[in-house]
Amino acid sequence: MKKPVYSNMTWLADIETELRRIGPGDPPGRVRTVARRIAGIALQRLYRTEAPDVPAVLRKAMEDDTLPDEVRGAVERLAARLDAQFRSPSTDPIGDAQRIVEYVRIAK
């Protein structure tokens, strides 16, 4: 069963739930995964879509020329593959996700 398109407040509640899944000292991979889920929730709200997965909605946002550069940059960092040493281009994945969330809050 598909998850419904987010209403005005449920998407923000889901983001808060995701934020509670991480804590100080959590492995970077876990933090990055949560950040990507948060970005996916916000972008689903922005595009009013039921994208089947986070990478799909991140790809859609990377191609969206209407997004401000700092938002698209955050999307690109979260969507990027890890390097050979399993490092992410995002040095602050939660900050990148929050940048996307704030844009969506203002845009909607």
Protein backbone atom coordinates (compact mmCIF):
# COMPACT_ATOMS: atom_id res chain seq x y z
CA MET A 1 0.00 0.00 0.00
CA LYS A 2 1.33 3.43 -0.95
CA LYS A 3 1.82 6.05 1.71
CA PRO A 4 -0.52 9.00 1.14
CA VAL A 5 0.75 12.36 -0.03
CA TYR A 6 1.64 14.39 3.05
CA SER A 7 -0.88 16.84 4.46
CA ASN A 8 0.03 20.21 5.95
CA MET A 9 1.34 18.94 9.29
CA THR A 10 1.87 15.19 9.05
CA TRP A 11 5.06 15.61 7.06
CA LEU A 12 6.55 17.78 9.81
CA ALA A 13 5.56 15.22 12.45
CA ASP A 14 7.22 12.47 10.39
CA ILE A 15 10.38 14.57 10.17
CA GLU A 16 10.41 15.01 13.96
CA THR A 17 10.03 11.24 14.32
CA GLU A 18 13.02 10.71 12.05
CA LEU A 19 15.11 13.22 14.01
CA ARG A 20 14.41 11.29 17.22
CA ARG A 21 15.94 8.19 15.61
CA ILE A 22 19.44 9.61 15.90
CA GLY A 23 21.54 10.84 18.76
CA PRO A 24 25.02 12.06 19.61
CA GLY A 25 27.65 9.54 18.71
CA ASP A 26 25.56 7.67 16.16
CA PRO A 27 27.55 6.34 13.22
CA PRO A 28 27.77 8.73 10.25
CA GLY A 29 26.02 6.21 7.99
CA ARG A 30 22.96 6.15 10.25
CA VAL A 31 22.86 9.95 10.43
CA ARG A 32 23.13 10.18 6.62
CA THR A 33 20.32 7.65 6.16
CA VAL A 34 18.02 9.61 8.47
CA ALA A 35 18.95 12.87 6.73
CA ARG A 36 18.09 11.37 3.34
CA ARG A 37 14.73 10.14 4.67
CA ILE A 38 14.00 13.63 6.07
CA ALA A 39 14.88 15.20 2.71
CA GLY A 40 12.67 12.65 0.95
CA ILE A 41 9.69 13.44 3.19
CA ALA A 42 10.07 17.17 2.55
CA LEU A 43 10.51 16.75 -1.20
CA GLN A 44 7.48 14.46 -1.40
CA ARG A 45 5.53 17.30 0.19
CA LEU A 46 7.01 19.85 -2.22
CA TYR A 47 6.22 17.81 -5.32
CA ARG A 48 3.03 16.27 -3.94
CA THR A 49 4.25 12.91 -5.08
CA GLU A 50 4.32 9.36 -3.84
CA ALA A 51 7.80 8.67 -5.17
CA PRO A 52 8.57 5.01 -4.55
CA ASP A 53 11.88 5.74 -2.87
CA VAL A 54 14.08 8.53 -1.57
CA PRO A 55 16.64 8.33 -4.39
CA ALA A 56 13.87 8.90 -6.95
CA VAL A 57 12.63 12.08 -5.30
CA LEU A 58 16.21 13.28 -4.75
CA ARG A 59 16.93 12.78 -8.47
CA LYS A 60 13.79 14.75 -9.34
CA ALA A 61 14.95 17.62 -7.11
CA MET A 62 18.45 17.60 -8.62
CA GLU A 63 16.87 18.26 -12.01
CA ASP A 64 14.60 21.04 -10.71
CA ASP A 65 16.01 24.34 -11.97
CA THR A 66 13.49 26.29 -9.88
CA LEU A 67 15.14 25.30 -6.59
CA PRO A 68 17.54 27.83 -5.07
CA ASP A 69 21.21 26.89 -5.51
CA GLU A 70 21.76 26.24 -1.79
CA VAL A 71 18.78 23.86 -1.68
CA ARG A 72 19.80 22.02 -4.82
CA GLY A 73 23.35 21.81 -3.47
CA ALA A 74 22.03 20.19 -0.28
CA VAL A 75 20.02 17.73 -2.39
CA GLU A 76 23.06 16.90 -4.52
CA ARG A 77 25.24 16.25 -1.46
CA LEU A 78 22.64 13.95 0.09
CA ALA A 79 22.08 12.13 -3.20
CA ALA A 80 25.78 11.64 -3.98
CA ARG A 81 27.37 8.24 -3.65
CA LEU A 82 29.91 7.62 -0.94
CA ASP A 83 33.56 7.64 -2.00
CA ALA A 84 35.87 4.62 -1.82
CA GLN A 85 36.52 5.31 1.88
CA PHE A 86 32.74 5.47 2.53
CA ARG A 87 32.79 9.24 3.06
CA SER A 88 29.88 11.45 2.06
CA PRO A 89 30.22 14.77 0.25
CA SER A 90 27.87 16.12 2.93
CA THR A 91 29.81 17.08 6.04
CA ASP A 92 26.52 17.99 7.76
CA PRO A 93 23.76 15.73 6.42
CA ILE A 94 21.18 16.83 9.00
CA GLY A 95 21.96 20.46 8.21
CA ASP A 96 21.51 19.73 4.50
CA ALA A 97 18.19 18.01 5.20
CA GLN A 98 17.02 20.89 7.38
CA ARG A 99 17.90 23.38 4.62
CA ILE A 100 15.56 21.44 2.31
CA VAL A 101 12.82 21.25 4.97
CA GLU A 102 12.96 25.00 5.61
CA TYR A 103 12.67 25.73 1.90
CA VAL A 104 9.63 23.46 1.60
CA ARG A 105 8.01 25.04 4.68
CA ILE A 106 8.31 28.47 3.09
CA ALA A 107 7.39 27.31 -0.43
CA LYS A 108 4.20 25.56 0.70
